[in-house]
C-alpha atoms as a PDB file:
ATOM      1  CA  MET A   1      82.741  92.185  35.929  1.00  0.00           C
ATOM      2  CA  PHE A   2      85.873  92.488  38.095  1.00  0.00           C
ATOM      3  CA  SER A   3      88.387  90.936  35.684  1.00  0.00           C
ATOM      4  CA  ASN A   4      90.161  94.307  35.363  1.00  0.00           C
ATOM      5  CA  PHE A   5      89.819  95.268  39.044  1.00  0.00           C
ATOM      6  CA  PHE A   6      93.516  94.745  39.884  1.00  0.00           C
ATOM      7  CA  LYS A   7      94.837  95.345  36.376  1.00  0.00           C
ATOM      8  CA  SER A   8      96.932  98.388  37.331  1.00  0.00           C
ATOM      9  CA  TRP A   9      98.309  96.874  40.555  1.00  0.00           C
ATOM     10  CA  SER A  10     102.011  96.097  40.881  1.00  0.00           C
ATOM     11  CA  LEU A  11     103.710  93.662  43.283  1.00  0.00           C
ATOM     12  CA  ARG A  12     104.620  96.642  45.444  1.00  0.00           C
ATOM     13  CA  ASP A  13     100.963  97.628  45.678  1.00  0.00           C
ATOM     14  CA  TYR A  14      99.976  94.147  46.836  1.00  0.00           C
ATOM     15  CA  ILE A  15     102.738  94.110  49.456  1.00  0.00           C
ATOM     16  CA  ILE A  16     101.825  97.520  50.908  1.00  0.00           C
ATOM     17  CA  SER A  17      98.121  96.605  50.985  1.00  0.00           C
ATOM     18  CA  PHE A  18      98.900  93.295  52.653  1.00  0.00           C
ATOM     19  CA  VAL A  19     101.043  94.949  55.338  1.00  0.00           C
ATOM     20  CA  ILE A  20      98.355  97.542  56.118  1.00  0.00           C
ATOM     21  CA  LEU A  21      95.559  94.958  56.268  1.00  0.00           C
ATOM     22  CA  ILE A  22      97.523  92.408  58.282  1.00  0.00           C
ATOM     23  CA  THR A  23      98.379  95.113  60.834  1.00  0.00           C
ATOM     24  CA  ILE A  24      94.681  95.779  61.380  1.00  0.00           C
ATOM     25  CA  ILE A  25      93.837  92.053  61.515  1.00  0.00           C
ATOM     26  CA  ILE A  26      96.578  91.310  64.078  1.00  0.00           C
ATOM     27  CA  THR A  27      95.568  94.285  66.213  1.00  0.00           C
ATOM     28  CA  THR A  28      91.934  93.178  66.082  1.00  0.00           C
ATOM     29  CA  SER A  29      92.798  89.586  66.979  1.00  0.00           C
ATOM     30  CA  LEU A  30      94.940  90.645  69.946  1.00  0.00           C
ATOM     31  CA  SER A  31      92.163  92.970  71.103  1.00  0.00           C
ATOM     32  CA  PHE A  32      89.660  90.104  71.208  1.00  0.00           C
ATOM     33  CA  THR A  33      92.059  88.020  73.302  1.00  0.00           C
ATOM     34  CA  ASN A  34      92.585  90.858  75.786  1.00  0.00           C
ATOM     35  CA  ILE A  35      89.075  92.162  76.373  1.00  0.00           C
ATOM     36  CA  ASP A  36      88.896  94.580  79.277  1.00  0.00           C
ATOM     37  CA  ASN A  37      86.345  93.566  81.919  1.00  0.00           C
ATOM     38  CA  ASN A  38      84.806  97.016  81.689  1.00  0.00           C
ATOM     39  CA  GLU A  39      84.481  96.941  77.920  1.00  0.00           C
ATOM     40  CA  LYS A  40      81.675  95.220  76.069  1.00  0.00           C
ATOM     41  CA  TRP A  41      82.745  92.778  73.365  1.00  0.00           C
ATOM     42  CA  TYR A  42      80.462  94.376  70.800  1.00  0.00           C
ATOM     43  CA  TRP A  43      82.419  97.665  70.895  1.00  0.00           C
ATOM     44  CA  ILE A  44      85.508  95.739  69.861  1.00  0.00           C
ATOM     45  CA  LEU A  45      83.496  94.052  67.100  1.00  0.00           C
ATOM     46  CA  ILE A  46      82.169  97.403  65.857  1.00  0.00           C
ATOM     47  CA  SER A  47      85.688  98.862  65.962  1.00  0.00           C
ATOM     48  CA  SER A  48      87.006  95.895  63.985  1.00  0.00           C
ATOM     49  CA  ILE A  49      84.325  96.064  61.282  1.00  0.00           C
ATOM     50  CA  SER A  50      84.793  99.816  60.914  1.00  0.00           C
ATOM     51  CA  ALA A  51      88.568  99.341  60.703  1.00  0.00           C
ATOM     52  CA  VAL A  52      88.482  96.667  57.999  1.00  0.00           C
ATOM     53  CA  PHE A  53      85.992  98.436  55.715  1.00  0.00           C
ATOM     54  CA  SER A  54      87.645 101.829  56.188  1.00  0.00           C
ATOM     55  CA  VAL A  55      91.153 100.520  55.518  1.00  0.00           C
ATOM     56  CA  VAL A  56      90.019  98.689  52.366  1.00  0.00           C
ATOM     57  CA  SER A  57      88.347 101.953  51.330  1.00  0.00           C
ATOM     58  CA  VAL A  58      91.485 104.076  51.640  1.00  0.00           C
ATOM     59  CA  ILE A  59      93.649 101.428  49.947  1.00  0.00           C
ATOM     60  CA  LEU A  60      91.314 101.432  46.938  1.00  0.00           C
ATOM     61  CA  ALA A  61      91.258 105.248  47.000  1.00  0.00           C
ATOM     62  CA  SER A  62      95.044 105.374  46.820  1.00  0.00           C
ATOM     63  CA  LYS A  63      94.758 103.208  43.692  1.00  0.00           C
ATOM     64  CA  LYS A  64      92.169 105.651  42.279  1.00  0.00           C
ATOM     65  CA  ASN A  65      89.424 102.993  42.351  1.00  0.00           C
ATOM     66  CA  TYR A  66      85.888 104.362  42.690  1.00  0.00           C
ATOM     67  CA  PHE A  67      84.672 101.332  44.682  1.00  0.00           C
ATOM     68  CA  SER A  68      86.595 102.819  47.613  1.00  0.00           C
ATOM     69  CA  PHE A  69      83.601 105.014  48.397  1.00  0.00           C
ATOM     70  CA  LEU A  70      81.206 102.086  48.857  1.00  0.00           C
ATOM     71  CA  PHE A  71      83.526 100.469  51.396  1.00  0.00           C
ATOM     72  CA  GLY A  72      83.917 103.891  52.993  1.00  0.00           C
ATOM     73  CA  VAL A  73      80.159 104.299  53.471  1.00  0.00           C
ATOM     74  CA  ILE A  74      79.947 101.011  55.389  1.00  0.00           C
ATOM     75  CA  GLY A  75      82.960 101.968  57.498  1.00  0.00           C
ATOM     76  CA  SER A  76      81.420 105.389  58.234  1.00  0.00           C
ATOM     77  CA  ILE A  77      78.202 103.849  59.519  1.00  0.00           C
ATOM     78  CA  PHE A  78      80.113 101.869  62.141  1.00  0.00           C
ATOM     79  CA  TYR A  79      82.450 104.797  62.838  1.00  0.00           C
ATOM     80  CA  PHE A  80      79.415 106.953  63.612  1.00  0.00           C
ATOM     81  CA  THR A  81      78.487 104.544  66.414  1.00  0.00           C
ATOM     82  CA  LEU A  82      82.032 104.620  67.789  1.00  0.00           C
ATOM     83  CA  SER A  83      82.103 108.418  67.724  1.00  0.00           C
ATOM     84  CA  ILE A  84      78.985 108.529  69.883  1.00  0.00           C
ATOM     85  CA  TYR A  85      80.619 106.042  72.269  1.00  0.00           C
ATOM     86  CA  TYR A  86      83.755 108.213  72.572  1.00  0.00           C
ATOM     87  CA  GLN A  87      81.689 111.426  72.823  1.00  0.00           C
ATOM     88  CA  THR A  88      83.288 112.981  69.742  1.00  0.00           C
ATOM     89  CA  TYR A  89      79.909 114.267  68.676  1.00  0.00           C
ATOM     90  CA  LEU A  90      81.043 116.504  65.838  1.00  0.00           C
ATOM     91  CA  THR A  91      82.830 113.555  64.248  1.00  0.00           C
ATOM     92  CA  ALA A  92      79.651 111.489  64.632  1.00  0.00           C
ATOM     93  CA  LEU A  93      77.545 114.245  63.071  1.00  0.00           C
ATOM     94  CA  LEU A  94      80.075 114.568  60.265  1.00  0.00           C
ATOM     95  CA  GLN A  95      79.553 110.941  59.194  1.00  0.00           C
ATOM     96  CA  ILE A  96      75.790 111.373  58.780  1.00  0.00           C
ATOM     97  CA  ILE A  97      75.438 114.840  57.288  1.00  0.00           C
ATOM     98  CA  PHE A  98      78.533 114.881  55.099  1.00  0.00           C
ATOM     99  CA  VAL A  99      80.817 111.824  54.787  1.00  0.00           C
ATOM    100  CA  ILE A 100      78.171 109.322  53.693  1.00  0.00           C
ATOM    101  CA  PRO A 101      76.401 111.699  51.234  1.00  0.00           C
ATOM    102  CA  ILE A 102      79.664 112.988  49.691  1.00  0.00           C
ATOM    103  CA  SER A 103      80.969 109.416  49.412  1.00  0.00           C
ATOM    104  CA  LEU A 104      77.917 108.385  47.408  1.00  0.00           C
ATOM    105  CA  LEU A 105      78.219 111.488  45.208  1.00  0.00           C
ATOM    106  CA  SER A 106      81.943 110.825  44.720  1.00  0.00           C
ATOM    107  CA  PHE A 107      81.233 107.222  43.757  1.00  0.00           C
ATOM    108  CA  ARG A 108      78.854 108.421  41.059  1.00  0.00           C
ATOM    109  CA  SER A 109      81.230 111.152  39.860  1.00  0.00           C
ATOM    110  CA  TRP A 110      84.327 108.918  39.739  1.00  0.00           C
ATOM    111  CA  LYS A 111      82.385 106.103  38.063  1.00  0.00           C
ATOM    112  CA  SER A 112      81.191 108.382  35.278  1.00  0.00           C
ATOM    113  CA  GLU A 113      84.796 109.226  34.320  1.00  0.00           C
ATOM    114  CA  SER A 114      86.486 105.914  35.136  1.00  0.00           C
ATOM    115  CA  ASN A 115      88.702 103.705  33.013  1.00  0.00           C
ATOM    116  CA  ILE A 116      88.087 100.044  32.195  1.00  0.00           C
ATOM    117  CA  ASP A 117      89.912  99.023  35.399  1.00  0.00           C
ATOM    118  CA  TYR A 118      87.508 101.110  37.561  1.00  0.00           C
ATOM    119  CA  THR A 119      90.075 103.860  38.157  1.00  0.00           C
ATOM    120  CA  ILE A 120      90.132 107.579  37.456  1.00  0.00           C
ATOM    121  CA  LYS A 121      92.846 109.976  36.355  1.00  0.00           C
ATOM    122  CA  PRO A 122      93.626 112.477  39.141  1.00  0.00           C
ATOM    123  CA  LYS A 123      93.803 116.197  38.537  1.00  0.00           C
ATOM    124  CA  LYS A 124      97.048 118.032  39.191  1.00  0.00           C
ATOM    125  CA  SER A 125      97.367 119.907  42.469  1.00  0.00           C
ATOM    126  CA  ASP A 126      96.652 123.598  42.535  1.00  0.00           C
ATOM    127  CA  TYR A 127      98.566 124.651  45.635  1.00  0.00           C
ATOM    128  CA  THR A 128      96.938 128.075  45.605  1.00  0.00           C
ATOM    129  CA  ASP A 129      93.555 126.387  46.131  1.00  0.00           C
ATOM    130  CA  LEU A 130      95.069 124.110  48.780  1.00  0.00           C
ATOM    131  CA  ILE A 131      96.505 127.008  50.782  1.00  0.00           C
ATOM    132  CA  PHE A 132      93.243 128.927  50.406  1.00  0.00           C
ATOM    133  CA  PHE A 133      91.079 126.060  51.710  1.00  0.00           C
ATOM    134  CA  LEU A 134      93.487 125.251  54.553  1.00  0.00           C
ATOM    135  CA  SER A 135      93.437 128.912  55.609  1.00  0.00           C
ATOM    136  CA  ILE A 136      89.641 129.025  55.473  1.00  0.00           C
ATOM    137  CA  GLY A 137      89.562 125.794  57.482  1.00  0.00           C
ATOM    138  CA  LEU A 138      91.648 127.354  60.252  1.00  0.00           C
ATOM    139  CA  LEU A 139      89.477 130.484  60.262  1.00  0.00           C
ATOM    140  CA  ILE A 140      86.336 128.348  60.636  1.00  0.00           C
ATOM    141  CA  THR A 141      87.868 126.081  63.267  1.00  0.00           C
ATOM    142  CA  VAL A 142      88.496 128.851  65.813  1.00  0.00           C
ATOM    143  CA  PRO A 143      84.934 130.239  66.187  1.00  0.00           C
ATOM    144  CA  LEU A 144      83.435 126.752  65.820  1.00  0.00           C
ATOM    145  CA  PHE A 145      85.589 125.603  68.746  1.00  0.00           C
ATOM    146  CA  PHE A 146      84.199 128.311  71.027  1.00  0.00           C
ATOM    147  CA  ILE A 147      80.622 127.603  69.942  1.00  0.00           C
ATOM    148  CA  TYR A 148      81.021 123.853  70.429  1.00  0.00           C
ATOM    149  CA  ASN A 149      82.890 124.286  73.705  1.00  0.00           C
ATOM    150  CA  PHE A 150      80.119 126.528  75.030  1.00  0.00           C
ATOM    151  CA  SER A 151      77.451 123.990  74.029  1.00  0.00           C
ATOM    152  CA  LEU A 152      79.311 121.316  76.031  1.00  0.00           C
ATOM    153  CA  SER A 153      80.065 123.554  79.007  1.00  0.00           C
ATOM    154  CA  ASN A 154      77.986 121.351  81.309  1.00  0.00           C
ATOM    155  CA  GLN A 155      79.938 118.226  80.346  1.00  0.00           C
ATOM    156  CA  ASN A 156      83.030 118.621  82.511  1.00  0.00           C
ATOM    157  CA  GLU A 157      84.452 115.266  81.424  1.00  0.00           C
ATOM    158  CA  THR A 158      85.168 116.591  77.924  1.00  0.00           C
ATOM    159  CA  SER A 159      88.484 118.469  77.976  1.00  0.00           C
ATOM    160  CA  GLY A 160      89.267 121.509  75.851  1.00  0.00           C
ATOM    161  CA  ILE A 161      91.992 119.797  73.832  1.00  0.00           C
ATOM    162  CA  ILE A 162      89.608 116.970  72.890  1.00  0.00           C
ATOM    163  CA  ILE A 163      86.990 119.471  71.751  1.00  0.00           C
ATOM    164  CA  TRP A 164      89.618 121.404  69.782  1.00  0.00           C
ATOM    165  CA  LEU A 165      90.891 118.278  68.009  1.00  0.00           C
ATOM    166  CA  ASP A 166      87.318 117.126  67.333  1.00  0.00           C
ATOM    167  CA  VAL A 167      86.453 120.473  65.732  1.00  0.00           C
ATOM    168  CA  PHE A 168      89.671 120.516  63.686  1.00  0.00           C
ATOM    169  CA  ASN A 169      88.986 116.971  62.518  1.00  0.00           C
ATOM    170  CA  PHE A 170      85.417 117.946  61.574  1.00  0.00           C
ATOM    171  CA  VAL A 171      86.450 120.936  59.442  1.00  0.00           C
ATOM    172  CA  PHE A 172      89.460 119.429  57.709  1.00  0.00           C
ATOM    173  CA  THR A 173      87.748 116.137  56.932  1.00  0.00           C
ATOM    174  CA  ILE A 174      85.220 118.153  54.922  1.00  0.00           C
ATOM    175  CA  ILE A 175      88.077 119.824  53.035  1.00  0.00           C
ATOM    176  CA  ALA A 176      89.764 116.459  52.382  1.00  0.00           C
ATOM    177  CA  PHE A 177      86.559 114.957  50.990  1.00  0.00           C
ATOM    178  CA  TYR A 178      86.004 118.033  48.822  1.00  0.00           C
ATOM    179  CA  PHE A 179      89.412 117.567  47.168  1.00  0.00           C
ATOM    180  CA  SER A 180      88.724 113.849  46.877  1.00  0.00           C
ATOM    181  CA  TYR A 181      85.391 114.512  45.151  1.00  0.00           C
ATOM    182  CA  LYS A 182      87.188 116.849  42.733  1.00  0.00           C
ATOM    183  CA  ARG A 183      89.776 114.082  42.110  1.00  0.00           C
ATOM    184  CA  ASN A 184      92.515 116.536  43.078  1.00  0.00           C
ATOM    185  CA  GLU A 185      95.787 114.973  44.228  1.00  0.00           C
ATOM    186  CA  SER A 186      95.996 117.579  47.032  1.00  0.00           C
ATOM    187  CA  THR A 187      93.446 115.455  48.875  1.00  0.00           C
ATOM    188  CA  TRP A 188      96.267 113.268  50.221  1.00  0.00           C
ATOM    189  CA  ILE A 189      98.091 116.233  51.764  1.00  0.00           C
ATOM    190  CA  VAL A 190      94.918 117.139  53.651  1.00  0.00           C
ATOM    191  CA  TRP A 191      94.340 113.495  54.619  1.00  0.00           C
ATOM    192  CA  ILE A 192      97.842 113.306  56.119  1.00  0.00           C
ATOM    193  CA  ILE A 193      96.934 116.290  58.317  1.00  0.00           C
ATOM    194  CA  VAL A 194      93.542 114.789  59.235  1.00  0.00           C
ATOM    195  CA  ASN A 195      95.057 111.393  60.085  1.00  0.00           C
ATOM    196  CA  LEU A 196      97.661 112.962  62.365  1.00  0.00           C
ATOM    197  CA  VAL A 197      94.981 115.008  64.144  1.00  0.00           C
ATOM    198  CA  SER A 198      92.638 111.994  64.456  1.00  0.00           C
ATOM    199  CA  LEU A 199      95.450 109.912  65.941  1.00  0.00           C
ATOM    200  CA  GLY A 200      96.138 112.703  68.416  1.00  0.00           C
ATOM    201  CA  LEU A 201      92.422 112.967  69.216  1.00  0.00           C
ATOM    202  CA  TYR A 202      91.936 109.325  70.212  1.00  0.00           C
ATOM    203  CA  LEU A 203      95.316 109.151  71.933  1.00  0.00           C
ATOM    204  CA  THR A 204      94.318 112.191  74.010  1.00  0.00           C
ATOM    205  CA  ILE A 205      90.931 110.640  74.837  1.00  0.00           C
ATOM    206  CA  THR A 206      92.628 107.425  75.929  1.00  0.00           C
ATOM    207  CA  ILE A 207      95.267 109.179  78.076  1.00  0.00           C
ATOM    208  CA  ASP A 208      92.704 111.616  79.497  1.00  0.00           C
ATOM    209  CA  SER A 209      90.452 108.761  80.617  1.00  0.00           C
ATOM    210  CA  ASN A 210      93.458 106.633  81.651  1.00  0.00           C
ATOM    211  CA  ASN A 211      91.755 103.694  79.985  1.00  0.00           C
ATOM    212  CA  PHE A 212      93.522 101.868  77.145  1.00  0.00           C
ATOM    213  CA  THR A 213      90.662  99.707  75.911  1.00  0.00           C
ATOM    214  CA  SER A 214      90.794  97.211  73.074  1.00  0.00           C
ATOM    215  CA  SER A 215      88.552  99.315  70.842  1.00  0.00           C
ATOM    216  CA  SER A 216      90.679 102.443  71.401  1.00  0.00           C
ATOM    217  CA  ILE A 217      93.796 100.506  70.390  1.00  0.00           C
ATOM    218  CA  ILE A 218      92.036  99.322  67.217  1.00  0.00           C
ATOM    219  CA  ILE A 219      91.007 102.893  66.356  1.00  0.00           C
ATOM    220  CA  MET A 220      94.512 104.273  66.913  1.00  0.00           C
ATOM    221  CA  SER A 221      96.129 101.502  64.867  1.00  0.00           C
ATOM    222  CA  ASN A 222      93.574 102.285  62.188  1.00  0.00           C
ATOM    223  CA  GLN A 223      94.673 105.933  62.159  1.00  0.00           C
ATOM    224  CA  VAL A 224      98.303 104.832  61.769  1.00  0.00           C
ATOM    225  CA  ALA A 225      97.242 102.647  58.820  1.00  0.00           C
ATOM    226  CA  TYR A 226      95.371 105.629  57.334  1.00  0.00           C
ATOM    227  CA  LEU A 227      98.488 107.786  57.687  1.00  0.00           C
ATOM    228  CA  ILE A 228     100.706 105.214  55.956  1.00  0.00           C
ATOM    229  CA  ASN A 229      98.123 104.845  53.203  1.00  0.00           C
ATOM    230  CA  ALA A 230      97.801 108.628  52.759  1.00  0.00           C
ATOM    231  CA  ILE A 231     101.546 108.890  52.164  1.00  0.00           C
ATOM    232  CA  TRP A 232     101.299 105.970  49.728  1.00  0.00           C
ATOM    233  CA  GLY A 233      98.285 107.607  48.054  1.00  0.00           C
ATOM    234  CA  TYR A 234     100.238 110.812  47.522  1.00  0.00           C
ATOM    235  CA  THR A 235     103.028 108.902  45.780  1.00  0.00           C
ATOM    236  CA  GLU A 236     100.465 107.080  43.625  1.00  0.00           C
ATOM    237  CA  TRP A 237      98.599 110.238  42.627  1.00  0.00           C
ATOM    238  CA  HIS A 238     101.377 112.814  42.471  1.00  0.00           C
ATOM    239  CA  ILE A 239     104.778 111.171  42.036  1.00  0.00           C
ATOM    240  CA  LYS A 240     103.587 108.298  39.813  1.00  0.00           C
ATOM    241  CA  LYS A 241     101.759 109.844  36.872  1.00  0.00           C
ATOM    242  CA  ASN A 242      99.153 107.979  34.838  1.00  0.00           C
END
């Protein structure tokens, strides 16, 4: 069944994938050897599982492989738990009501138009659509921030910048998945933005709480891996034509 799975992969693809995966594995291993006394071991385990499945998902997505969405669903389930732990509730809600359903729909859509090596042919970017959706995203983010901030007004431990980044991440992740579902190469531009914001979100949470835990380090290293992969994905989809 999977004899053609890596048919379109070059040596460069294997090297980049190996570097991204080994970074996550090393970070995870170091985290287990430096467990904070105040942090439960199972949060590190959950972070590690989410990291591995999510990174494999985005690597396969950069190679236009529709199996990326199945790995992504598993990663999202664990990421939902982590989002509750870090009190990024909109991100947690996003996994359940949108990311998992759209991933399953995208798997079905990509599969129906896939090649023999389980890949799809991306659609060329329409930068007018990209600018339109990014503008709409910003317009939605502002009022949603005030609504969400008001709903959390009794939770003094959640700072305004964290809420703002959480809302931005919520809105623009939806846009990124929409472009991904449509197989539009602009998805990687949006993912670069989302990955930068997500990295800033968890870095802010960590600095704000003054608590660099093992699981937070895994999550942040994961976001760096996502960012590297998003840049790679853009070159695969846009610069390197099928």
